[in-house]
Amino acid sequence: TAEAPMIPIEPDEGPVMVTVEYFVDPARAEAFAQVMQATRAA
């Protein structure tokens, strides 16, 4: 899902932050929040 890195990276370099952008129907925000709670635990 992410683009391949374009810079040299050492194995121990970090931390690494990953962001994921979602567009959700505001009417379904509560149900989405429940799924994201499970995502957080996972």
PDB file of all heavy atoms in Angstrom:
ATOM      1  N   THR A   1       0.809  -1.221   0.000  1.00  0.00           N
ATOM      2  CA  THR A   1       0.000   0.000   0.000  1.00  0.00           C
ATOM      3  C   THR A   1       0.839   1.266   0.000  1.00  0.00           C
ATOM      4  O   THR A   1       0.330   2.333  -0.323  1.00  0.00           O
ATOM      5  CB  THR A   1      -0.919   0.015   1.238  1.00  0.00           C
ATOM      6  OG1 THR A   1      -0.120  -0.135   2.419  1.00  0.00           O
ATOM      7  CG2 THR A   1      -1.935  -1.120   1.172  1.00  0.00           C
ATOM      8  N   ALA A   2       2.097   1.178   0.381  1.00  0.00           N
ATOM      9  CA  ALA A   2       2.943   2.364   0.462  1.00  0.00           C
ATOM     10  C   ALA A   2       3.950   2.364  -0.686  1.00  0.00           C
ATOM     11  O   ALA A   2       4.323   1.314  -1.215  1.00  0.00           O
ATOM     12  CB  ALA A   2       3.678   2.411   1.804  1.00  0.00           C
ATOM     13  N   GLU A   3       4.401   3.562  -1.064  1.00  0.00           N
ATOM     14  CA  GLU A   3       5.400   3.681  -2.113  1.00  0.00           C
ATOM     15  C   GLU A   3       6.757   3.181  -1.618  1.00  0.00           C
ATOM     16  O   GLU A   3       7.070   3.272  -0.428  1.00  0.00           O
ATOM     17  CB  GLU A   3       5.519   5.143  -2.547  1.00  0.00           C
ATOM     18  CG  GLU A   3       4.249   5.712  -3.176  1.00  0.00           C
ATOM     19  CD  GLU A   3       4.422   7.165  -3.565  1.00  0.00           C
ATOM     20  OE1 GLU A   3       5.512   7.712  -3.286  1.00  0.00           O
ATOM     21  OE2 GLU A   3       3.483   7.740  -4.131  1.00  0.00           O
ATOM     22  N   ALA A   4       7.540   2.630  -2.539  1.00  0.00           N
ATOM     23  CA  ALA A   4       8.871   2.161  -2.188  1.00  0.00           C
ATOM     24  C   ALA A   4       9.746   3.341  -1.768  1.00  0.00           C
ATOM     25  O   ALA A   4       9.626   4.445  -2.317  1.00  0.00           O
ATOM     26  CB  ALA A   4       9.501   1.446  -3.384  1.00  0.00           C
ATOM     27  N   PRO A   5      10.636   3.154  -0.787  1.00  0.00           N
ATOM     28  CA  PRO A   5      11.488   4.272  -0.340  1.00  0.00           C
ATOM     29  C   PRO A   5      12.439   4.715  -1.443  1.00  0.00           C
ATOM     30  O   PRO A   5      12.993   3.899  -2.175  1.00  0.00           O
ATOM     31  CB  PRO A   5      12.233   3.690   0.854  1.00  0.00           C
ATOM     32  CG  PRO A   5      12.163   2.213   0.686  1.00  0.00           C
ATOM     33  CD  PRO A   5      10.885   1.928   0.000  1.00  0.00           C
ATOM     34  N   MET A   6      12.636   6.026  -1.525  1.00  0.00           N
ATOM     35  CA  MET A   6      13.518   6.614  -2.539  1.00  0.00           C
ATOM     36  C   MET A   6      14.829   7.104  -1.932  1.00  0.00           C
ATOM     37  O   MET A   6      15.637   7.728  -2.622  1.00  0.00           O
ATOM     38  CB  MET A   6      12.800   7.774  -3.237  1.00  0.00           C
ATOM     39  CG  MET A   6      11.475   7.383  -3.880  1.00  0.00           C
ATOM     40  SD  MET A   6      11.685   6.129  -5.171  1.00  0.00           S
ATOM     41  CE  MET A   6      12.555   7.090  -6.417  1.00  0.00           C
ATOM     42  N   ILE A   7      15.057   6.852  -0.650  1.00  0.00           N
ATOM     43  CA  ILE A   7      16.285   7.260   0.019  1.00  0.00           C
ATOM     44  C   ILE A   7      16.922   6.034   0.655  1.00  0.00           C
ATOM     45  O   ILE A   7      16.236   5.061   0.985  1.00  0.00           O
ATOM     46  CB  ILE A   7      16.014   8.338   1.097  1.00  0.00           C
ATOM     47  CG1 ILE A   7      15.038   7.787   2.161  1.00  0.00           C
ATOM     48  CG2 ILE A   7      15.465   9.603   0.471  1.00  0.00           C
ATOM     49  CD1 ILE A   7      14.839   8.714   3.331  1.00  0.00           C
ATOM     50  N   PRO A   8      18.245   6.033   0.846  1.00  0.00           N
ATOM     51  CA  PRO A   8      18.889   4.897   1.526  1.00  0.00           C
ATOM     52  C   PRO A   8      18.492   4.866   3.005  1.00  0.00           C
ATOM     53  O   PRO A   8      18.468   5.906   3.671  1.00  0.00           O
ATOM     54  CB  PRO A   8      20.388   5.162   1.343  1.00  0.00           C
ATOM     55  CG  PRO A   8      20.492   6.647   1.129  1.00  0.00           C
ATOM     56  CD  PRO A   8      19.236   7.047   0.401  1.00  0.00           C
ATOM     57  N   ILE A   9      18.188   3.686   3.504  1.00  0.00           N
ATOM     58  CA  ILE A   9      17.748   3.531   4.890  1.00  0.00           C
ATOM     59  C   ILE A   9      18.533   2.400   5.535  1.00  0.00           C
ATOM     60  O   ILE A   9      18.584   1.283   5.006  1.00  0.00           O
ATOM     61  CB  ILE A   9      16.233   3.217   4.970  1.00  0.00           C
ATOM     62  CG1 ILE A   9      15.418   4.316   4.273  1.00  0.00           C
ATOM     63  CG2 ILE A   9      15.795   3.078   6.421  1.00  0.00           C
ATOM     64  CD1 ILE A   9      13.934   4.019   4.211  1.00  0.00           C
ATOM     65  N   GLU A  10      19.149   2.693   6.689  1.00  0.00           N
ATOM     66  CA  GLU A  10      19.830   1.665   7.460  1.00  0.00           C
ATOM     67  C   GLU A  10      18.803   0.862   8.263  1.00  0.00           C
ATOM     68  O   GLU A  10      17.775   1.408   8.682  1.00  0.00           O
ATOM     69  CB  GLU A  10      20.847   2.289   8.414  1.00  0.00           C
ATOM     70  CG  GLU A  10      21.989   3.010   7.719  1.00  0.00           C
ATOM     71  CD  GLU A  10      22.851   2.050   6.914  1.00  0.00           C
ATOM     72  OE1 GLU A  10      22.991   0.878   7.346  1.00  0.00           O
ATOM     73  OE2 GLU A  10      23.377   2.456   5.854  1.00  0.00           O
ATOM     74  N   PRO A  11      19.055  -0.431   8.491  1.00  0.00           N
ATOM     75  CA  PRO A  11      18.068  -1.257   9.207  1.00  0.00           C
ATOM     76  C   PRO A  11      17.673  -0.713  10.574  1.00  0.00           C
ATOM     77  O   PRO A  11      16.512  -0.814  10.974  1.00  0.00           O
ATOM     78  CB  PRO A  11      18.782  -2.613   9.336  1.00  0.00           C
ATOM     79  CG  PRO A  11      19.745  -2.645   8.200  1.00  0.00           C
ATOM     80  CD  PRO A  11      20.211  -1.221   8.029  1.00  0.00           C
ATOM     81  N   ASP A  12      18.638  -0.113  11.309  1.00  0.00           N
ATOM     82  CA  ASP A  12      18.345   0.349  12.667  1.00  0.00           C
ATOM     83  C   ASP A  12      17.844   1.798  12.710  1.00  0.00           C
ATOM     84  O   ASP A  12      17.619   2.331  13.802  1.00  0.00           O
ATOM     85  CB  ASP A  12      19.590   0.233  13.543  1.00  0.00           C
ATOM     86  CG  ASP A  12      19.931  -1.213  13.854  1.00  0.00           C
ATOM     87  OD1 ASP A  12      19.013  -2.057  13.786  1.00  0.00           O
ATOM     88  OD2 ASP A  12      21.107  -1.498  14.158  1.00  0.00           O
ATOM     89  N   GLU A  13      17.702   2.439  11.568  1.00  0.00           N
ATOM     90  CA  GLU A  13      17.202   3.809  11.573  1.00  0.00           C
ATOM     91  C   GLU A  13      15.744   3.847  12.033  1.00  0.00           C
ATOM     92  O   GLU A  13      14.958   2.964  11.737  1.00  0.00           O
ATOM     93  CB  GLU A  13      17.320   4.426  10.180  1.00  0.00           C
ATOM     94  CG  GLU A  13      18.696   4.933   9.822  1.00  0.00           C
ATOM     95  CD  GLU A  13      18.678   5.825   8.586  1.00  0.00           C
ATOM     96  OE1 GLU A  13      18.190   6.976   8.690  1.00  0.00           O
ATOM     97  OE2 GLU A  13      19.145   5.369   7.525  1.00  0.00           O
ATOM     98  N   GLY A  14      15.414   4.930  12.714  1.00  0.00           N
ATOM     99  CA  GLY A  14      14.058   5.082  13.180  1.00  0.00           C
ATOM    100  C   GLY A  14      13.964   6.164  14.226  1.00  0.00           C
ATOM    101  O   GLY A  14      14.948   6.843  14.519  1.00  0.00           O
ATOM    102  N   PRO A  15      12.814   6.350  14.806  1.00  0.00           N
ATOM    103  CA  PRO A  15      11.560   5.631  14.551  1.00  0.00           C
ATOM    104  C   PRO A  15      10.994   5.900  13.154  1.00  0.00           C
ATOM    105  O   PRO A  15      11.394   6.852  12.480  1.00  0.00           O
ATOM    106  CB  PRO A  15      10.626   6.153  15.640  1.00  0.00           C
ATOM    107  CG  PRO A  15      11.497   6.820  16.649  1.00  0.00           C
ATOM    108  CD  PRO A  15      12.681   7.324  15.893  1.00  0.00           C
ATOM    109  N   VAL A  16      10.012   5.064  12.761  1.00  0.00           N
ATOM    110  CA  VAL A  16       9.313   5.187  11.493  1.00  0.00           C
ATOM    111  C   VAL A  16       7.841   5.490  11.791  1.00  0.00           C
ATOM    112  O   VAL A  16       7.209   4.759  12.549  1.00  0.00           O
ATOM    113  CB  VAL A  16       9.427   3.890  10.666  1.00  0.00           C
ATOM    114  CG1 VAL A  16       8.642   4.012   9.376  1.00  0.00           C
ATOM    115  CG2 VAL A  16      10.889   3.558  10.392  1.00  0.00           C
ATOM    116  N   MET A  17       7.354   6.583  11.214  1.00  0.00           N
ATOM    117  CA  MET A  17       5.942   6.923  11.387  1.00  0.00           C
ATOM    118  C   MET A  17       5.192   6.624  10.092  1.00  0.00           C
ATOM    119  O   MET A  17       5.638   6.986   9.007  1.00  0.00           O
ATOM    120  CB  MET A  17       5.764   8.404  11.747  1.00  0.00           C
ATOM    121  CG  MET A  17       4.305   8.777  12.026  1.00  0.00           C
ATOM    122  SD  MET A  17       4.081  10.512  12.524  1.00  0.00           S
ATOM    123  CE  MET A  17       4.400  11.352  10.971  1.00  0.00           C
ATOM    124  N   VAL A  18       4.054   5.956  10.219  1.00  0.00           N
ATOM    125  CA  VAL A  18       3.201   5.622   9.082  1.00  0.00           C
ATOM    126  C   VAL A  18       1.878   6.360   9.250  1.00  0.00           C
ATOM    127  O   VAL A  18       1.305   6.378  10.347  1.00  0.00           O
ATOM    128  CB  VAL A  18       2.960   4.103   9.001  1.00  0.00           C
ATOM    129  CG1 VAL A  18       2.093   3.757   7.779  1.00  0.00           C
ATOM    130  CG2 VAL A  18       4.278   3.345   8.951  1.00  0.00           C
ATOM    131  N   THR A  19       1.408   6.992   8.176  1.00  0.00           N
ATOM    132  CA  THR A  19       0.096   7.650   8.207  1.00  0.00           C
ATOM    133  C   THR A  19      -0.800   7.027   7.148  1.00  0.00           C
ATOM    134  O   THR A  19      -0.342   6.624   6.072  1.00  0.00           O
ATOM    135  CB  THR A  19       0.224   9.161   7.940  1.00  0.00           C
ATOM    136  OG1 THR A  19       0.746   9.370   6.618  1.00  0.00           O
ATOM    137  CG2 THR A  19       1.131   9.821   8.974  1.00  0.00           C
ATOM    138  N   VAL A  20      -2.084   6.923   7.474  1.00  0.00           N
ATOM    139  CA  VAL A  20      -3.086   6.387   6.552  1.00  0.00           C
ATOM    140  C   VAL A  20      -4.251   7.377   6.516  1.00  0.00           C
ATOM    141  O   VAL A  20      -4.785   7.739   7.576  1.00  0.00           O
ATOM    142  CB  VAL A  20      -3.587   4.994   6.984  1.00  0.00           C
ATOM    143  CG1 VAL A  20      -4.502   4.400   5.911  1.00  0.00           C
ATOM    144  CG2 VAL A  20      -2.428   4.057   7.288  1.00  0.00           C
ATOM    145  N   GLU A  21      -4.624   7.805   5.334  1.00  0.00           N
ATOM    146  CA  GLU A  21      -5.665   8.822   5.158  1.00  0.00           C
ATOM    147  C   GLU A  21      -6.977   8.152   4.730  1.00  0.00           C
ATOM    148  O   GLU A  21      -7.008   7.389   3.767  1.00  0.00           O
ATOM    149  CB  GLU A  21      -5.230   9.836   4.106  1.00  0.00           C
ATOM    150  CG  GLU A  21      -6.176  11.001   3.926  1.00  0.00           C
ATOM    151  CD  GLU A  21      -5.702  11.950   2.838  1.00  0.00           C
ATOM    152  OE1 GLU A  21      -5.353  11.459   1.734  1.00  0.00           O
ATOM    153  OE2 GLU A  21      -5.654  13.167   3.089  1.00  0.00           O
ATOM    154  N   TYR A  22      -8.053   8.442   5.473  1.00  0.00           N
ATOM    155  CA  TYR A  22      -9.371   7.889   5.172  1.00  0.00           C
ATOM    156  C   TYR A  22     -10.362   9.025   4.919  1.00  0.00           C
ATOM    157  O   TYR A  22     -10.300  10.082   5.572  1.00  0.00           O
ATOM    158  CB  TYR A  22      -9.909   7.053   6.344  1.00  0.00           C
ATOM    159  CG  TYR A  22      -9.030   5.910   6.791  1.00  0.00           C
ATOM    160  CD1 TYR A  22      -8.102   6.085   7.839  1.00  0.00           C
ATOM    161  CD2 TYR A  22      -9.119   4.658   6.209  1.00  0.00           C
ATOM    162  CE1 TYR A  22      -7.311   5.042   8.275  1.00  0.00           C
ATOM    163  CE2 TYR A  22      -8.320   3.601   6.639  1.00  0.00           C
ATOM    164  CZ  TYR A  22      -7.420   3.803   7.668  1.00  0.00           C
ATOM    165  OH  TYR A  22      -6.634   2.778   8.096  1.00  0.00           O
ATOM    166  N   PHE A  23     -11.290   8.771   4.006  1.00  0.00           N
ATOM    167  CA  PHE A  23     -12.427   9.658   3.801  1.00  0.00           C
ATOM    168  C   PHE A  23     -13.689   8.852   4.099  1.00  0.00           C
ATOM    169  O   PHE A  23     -13.968   7.836   3.441  1.00  0.00           O
ATOM    170  CB  PHE A  23     -12.459  10.197   2.367  1.00  0.00           C
ATOM    171  CG  PHE A  23     -11.333  11.143   2.062  1.00  0.00           C
ATOM    172  CD1 PHE A  23     -10.147  10.696   1.485  1.00  0.00           C
ATOM    173  CD2 PHE A  23     -11.453  12.497   2.377  1.00  0.00           C
ATOM    174  CE1 PHE A  23      -9.110  11.567   1.210  1.00  0.00           C
ATOM    175  CE2 PHE A  23     -10.409  13.379   2.117  1.00  0.00           C
ATOM    176  CZ  PHE A  23      -9.234  12.915   1.533  1.00  0.00           C
ATOM    177  N   VAL A  24     -14.445   9.328   5.113  1.00  0.00           N
ATOM    178  CA  VAL A  24     -15.569   8.549   5.638  1.00  0.00           C
ATOM    179  C   VAL A  24     -16.821   9.412   5.654  1.00  0.00           C
ATOM    180  O   VAL A  24     -16.755  10.625   5.934  1.00  0.00           O
ATOM    181  CB  VAL A  24     -15.251   8.052   7.079  1.00  0.00           C
ATOM    182  CG1 VAL A  24     -16.419   7.266   7.657  1.00  0.00           C
ATOM    183  CG2 VAL A  24     -13.982   7.209   7.088  1.00  0.00           C
ATOM    184  N   ASP A  25     -17.945   8.791   5.360  1.00  0.00           N
ATOM    185  CA  ASP A  25     -19.234   9.475   5.449  1.00  0.00           C
ATOM    186  C   ASP A  25     -19.448   9.910   6.904  1.00  0.00           C
ATOM    187  O   ASP A  25     -19.437   9.057   7.810  1.00  0.00           O
ATOM    188  CB  ASP A  25     -20.351   8.528   5.001  1.00  0.00           C
ATOM    189  CG  ASP A  25     -21.721   9.195   5.004  1.00  0.00           C
ATOM    190  OD1 ASP A  25     -21.837  10.350   5.469  1.00  0.00           O
ATOM    191  OD2 ASP A  25     -22.681   8.549   4.551  1.00  0.00           O
ATOM    192  N   PRO A  26     -19.626  11.204   7.183  1.00  0.00           N
ATOM    193  CA  PRO A  26     -19.808  11.652   8.575  1.00  0.00           C
ATOM    194  C   PRO A  26     -20.942  10.940   9.291  1.00  0.00           C
ATOM    195  O   PRO A  26     -20.903  10.795  10.518  1.00  0.00           O
ATOM    196  CB  PRO A  26     -20.085  13.153   8.422  1.00  0.00           C
ATOM    197  CG  PRO A  26     -19.412  13.538   7.144  1.00  0.00           C
ATOM    198  CD  PRO A  26     -19.575  12.343   6.251  1.00  0.00           C
ATOM    199  N   ALA A  27     -21.949  10.488   8.553  1.00  0.00           N
ATOM    200  CA  ALA A  27     -23.071   9.791   9.184  1.00  0.00           C
ATOM    201  C   ALA A  27     -22.640   8.432   9.748  1.00  0.00           C
ATOM    202  O   ALA A  27     -23.339   7.860  10.592  1.00  0.00           O
ATOM    203  CB  ALA A  27     -24.207   9.609   8.185  1.00  0.00           C
ATOM    204  N   ARG A  28     -21.512   7.921   9.273  1.00  0.00           N
ATOM    205  CA  ARG A  28     -21.037   6.611   9.734  1.00  0.00           C
ATOM    206  C   ARG A  28     -19.825   6.750  10.666  1.00  0.00           C
ATOM    207  O   ARG A  28     -19.101   5.794  10.904  1.00  0.00           O
ATOM    208  CB  ARG A  28     -20.662   5.743   8.532  1.00  0.00           C
ATOM    209  CG  ARG A  28     -21.775   5.568   7.508  1.00  0.00           C
ATOM    210  CD  ARG A  28     -21.319   4.689   6.352  1.00  0.00           C
ATOM    211  NE  ARG A  28     -21.051   3.330   6.778  1.00  0.00           N
ATOM    212  CZ  ARG A  28     -20.385   2.426   6.048  1.00  0.00           C
ATOM    213  NH1 ARG A  28     -19.879   2.789   4.873  1.00  0.00           N
ATOM    214  NH2 ARG A  28     -20.198   1.198   6.493  1.00  0.00           N
ATOM    215  N   ALA A  29     -19.627   7.933  11.200  1.00  0.00           N
ATOM    216  CA  ALA A  29     -18.439   8.194  12.006  1.00  0.00           C
ATOM    217  C   ALA A  29     -18.376   7.313  13.249  1.00  0.00           C
ATOM    218  O   ALA A  29     -17.304   6.827  13.625  1.00  0.00           O
ATOM    219  CB  ALA A  29     -18.400   9.671  12.406  1.00  0.00           C
ATOM    220  N   GLU A  30     -19.510   7.068  13.891  1.00  0.00           N
ATOM    221  CA  GLU A  30     -19.508   6.275  15.128  1.00  0.00           C
ATOM    222  C   GLU A  30     -19.101   4.827  14.848  1.00  0.00           C
ATOM    223  O   GLU A  30     -18.294   4.242  15.578  1.00  0.00           O
ATOM    224  CB  GLU A  30     -20.881   6.325  15.777  1.00  0.00           C
ATOM    225  CG  GLU A  30     -20.937   5.627  17.134  1.00  0.00           C
ATOM    226  CD  GLU A  30     -22.272   5.794  17.831  1.00  0.00           C
ATOM    227  OE1 GLU A  30     -23.069   6.647  17.388  1.00  0.00           O
ATOM    228  OE2 GLU A  30     -22.510   5.079  18.813  1.00  0.00           O
ATOM    229  N   ALA A  31     -19.653   4.249  13.784  1.00  0.00           N
ATOM    230  CA  ALA A  31     -19.289   2.878  13.433  1.00  0.00           C
ATOM    231  C   ALA A  31     -17.819   2.794  13.023  1.00  0.00           C
ATOM    232  O   ALA A  31     -17.117   1.826  13.355  1.00  0.00           O
ATOM    233  CB  ALA A  31     -20.193   2.368  12.315  1.00  0.00           C
ATOM    234  N   PHE A  32     -17.333   3.806  12.299  1.00  0.00           N
ATOM    235  CA  PHE A  32     -15.926   3.834  11.912  1.00  0.00           C
ATOM    236  C   PHE A  32     -15.030   3.897  13.133  1.00  0.00           C
ATOM    237  O   PHE A  32     -13.980   3.221  13.194  1.00  0.00           O
ATOM    238  CB  PHE A  32     -15.680   5.038  10.998  1.00  0.00           C
ATOM    239  CG  PHE A  32     -14.250   5.212  10.578  1.00  0.00           C
ATOM    240  CD1 PHE A  32     -13.648   4.317   9.705  1.00  0.00           C
ATOM    241  CD2 PHE A  32     -13.484   6.278  11.054  1.00  0.00           C
ATOM    242  CE1 PHE A  32     -12.326   4.467   9.311  1.00  0.00           C
ATOM    243  CE2 PHE A  32     -12.168   6.440  10.670  1.00  0.00           C
ATOM    244  CZ  PHE A  32     -11.583   5.533   9.797  1.00  0.00           C
ATOM    245  N   ALA A  33     -15.425   4.666  14.138  1.00  0.00           N
ATOM    246  CA  ALA A  33     -14.629   4.781  15.356  1.00  0.00           C
ATOM    247  C   ALA A  33     -14.501   3.435  16.063  1.00  0.00           C
ATOM    248  O   ALA A  33     -13.440   3.105  16.625  1.00  0.00           O
ATOM    249  CB  ALA A  33     -15.247   5.817  16.291  1.00  0.00           C
ATOM    250  N   GLN A  34     -15.559   2.629  16.048  1.00  0.00           N
ATOM    251  CA  GLN A  34     -15.493   1.310  16.681  1.00  0.00           C
ATOM    252  C   GLN A  34     -14.492   0.404  15.965  1.00  0.00           C
ATOM    253  O   GLN A  34     -13.719  -0.318  16.602  1.00  0.00           O
ATOM    254  CB  GLN A  34     -16.883   0.673  16.687  1.00  0.00           C
ATOM    255  CG  GLN A  34     -17.885   1.395  17.572  1.00  0.00           C
ATOM    256  CD  GLN A  34     -19.264   0.769  17.515  1.00  0.00           C
ATOM    257  OE1 GLN A  34     -19.513  -0.169  16.747  1.00  0.00           O
ATOM    258  NE2 GLN A  34     -20.190   1.274  18.316  1.00  0.00           N
ATOM    259  N   VAL A  35     -14.500   0.450  14.620  1.00  0.00           N
ATOM    260  CA  VAL A  35     -13.543  -0.350  13.865  1.00  0.00           C
ATOM    261  C   VAL A  35     -12.122   0.128  14.136  1.00  0.00           C
ATOM    262  O   VAL A  35     -11.188  -0.678  14.253  1.00  0.00           O
ATOM    263  CB  VAL A  35     -13.863  -0.295  12.359  1.00  0.00           C
ATOM    264  CG1 VAL A  35     -12.756  -0.950  11.534  1.00  0.00           C
ATOM    265  CG2 VAL A  35     -15.195  -0.968  12.077  1.00  0.00           C
ATOM    266  N   MET A  36     -11.938   1.427  14.284  1.00  0.00           N
ATOM    267  CA  MET A  36     -10.600   1.953  14.538  1.00  0.00           C
ATOM    268  C   MET A  36     -10.119   1.627  15.957  1.00  0.00           C
ATOM    269  O   MET A  36      -8.906   1.533  16.198  1.00  0.00           O
ATOM    270  CB  MET A  36     -10.563   3.458  14.286  1.00  0.00           C
ATOM    271  CG  MET A  36     -10.818   3.843  12.836  1.00  0.00           C
ATOM    272  SD  MET A  36      -9.785   2.941  11.652  1.00  0.00           S
ATOM    273  CE  MET A  36      -8.171   3.652  12.002  1.00  0.00           C
ATOM    274  N   GLN A  37     -11.044   1.453  16.890  1.00  0.00           N
ATOM    275  CA  GLN A  37     -10.636   0.980  18.212  1.00  0.00           C
ATOM    276  C   GLN A  37     -10.035  -0.421  18.108  1.00  0.00           C
ATOM    277  O   GLN A  37      -9.008  -0.725  18.733  1.00  0.00           O
ATOM    278  CB  GLN A  37     -11.839   0.971  19.168  1.00  0.00           C
ATOM    279  CG  GLN A  37     -12.251   2.339  19.673  1.00  0.00           C
ATOM    280  CD  GLN A  37     -11.278   2.900  20.708  1.00  0.00           C
ATOM    281  OE1 GLN A  37     -10.338   2.235  21.126  1.00  0.00           O
ATOM    282  NE2 GLN A  37     -11.504   4.136  21.115  1.00  0.00           N
ATOM    283  N   ALA A  38     -10.682  -1.280  17.314  1.00  0.00           N
ATOM    284  CA  ALA A  38     -10.123  -2.614  17.083  1.00  0.00           C
ATOM    285  C   ALA A  38      -8.801  -2.525  16.335  1.00  0.00           C
ATOM    286  O   ALA A  38      -7.878  -3.311  16.597  1.00  0.00           O
ATOM    287  CB  ALA A  38     -11.128  -3.463  16.305  1.00  0.00           C
ATOM    288  N   THR A  39      -8.686  -1.563  15.426  1.00  0.00           N
ATOM    289  CA  THR A  39      -7.440  -1.359  14.688  1.00  0.00           C
ATOM    290  C   THR A  39      -6.317  -0.950  15.630  1.00  0.00           C
ATOM    291  O   THR A  39      -5.180  -1.412  15.504  1.00  0.00           O
ATOM    292  CB  THR A  39      -7.639  -0.300  13.598  1.00  0.00           C
ATOM    293  OG1 THR A  39      -8.636  -0.747  12.681  1.00  0.00           O
ATOM    294  CG2 THR A  39      -6.351  -0.028  12.845  1.00  0.00           C
ATOM    295  N   ARG A  40      -6.630  -0.051  16.556  1.00  0.00           N
ATOM    296  CA  ARG A  40      -5.621   0.377  17.537  1.00  0.00           C
ATOM    297  C   ARG A  40      -5.072  -0.828  18.306  1.00  0.00           C
ATOM    298  O   ARG A  40      -3.842  -0.973  18.438  1.00  0.00           O
ATOM    299  CB  ARG A  40      -6.244   1.370  18.520  1.00  0.00           C
ATOM    300  CG  ARG A  40      -5.316   1.758  19.670  1.00  0.00           C
ATOM    301  CD  ARG A  40      -6.044   2.652  20.671  1.00  0.00           C
ATOM    302  NE  ARG A  40      -5.170   3.016  21.772  1.00  0.00           N
ATOM    303  CZ  ARG A  40      -4.990   2.281  22.873  1.00  0.00           C
ATOM    304  NH1 ARG A  40      -5.645   1.129  23.003  1.00  0.00           N
ATOM    305  NH2 ARG A  40      -4.181   2.684  23.827  1.00  0.00           N
ATOM    306  N   ALA A  41      -5.967  -1.699  18.801  1.00  0.00           N
ATOM    307  CA  ALA A  41      -5.510  -2.869  19.546  1.00  0.00           C
ATOM    308  C   ALA A  41      -4.667  -3.786  18.658  1.00  0.00           C
ATOM    309  O   ALA A  41      -3.647  -4.328  19.093  1.00  0.00           O
ATOM    310  CB  ALA A  41      -6.709  -3.624  20.117  1.00  0.00           C
ATOM    311  N   ALA A  42      -5.090  -3.949  17.398  1.00  0.00           N
ATOM    312  CA  ALA A  42      -4.350  -4.817  16.480  1.00  0.00           C
ATOM    313  C   ALA A  42      -2.957  -4.262  16.193  1.00  0.00           C
ATOM    314  O   ALA A  42      -1.963  -5.004  16.181  1.00  0.00           O
ATOM    315  CB  ALA A  42      -5.125  -4.987  15.184  1.00  0.00           C
TER     316      ALA A  42
END
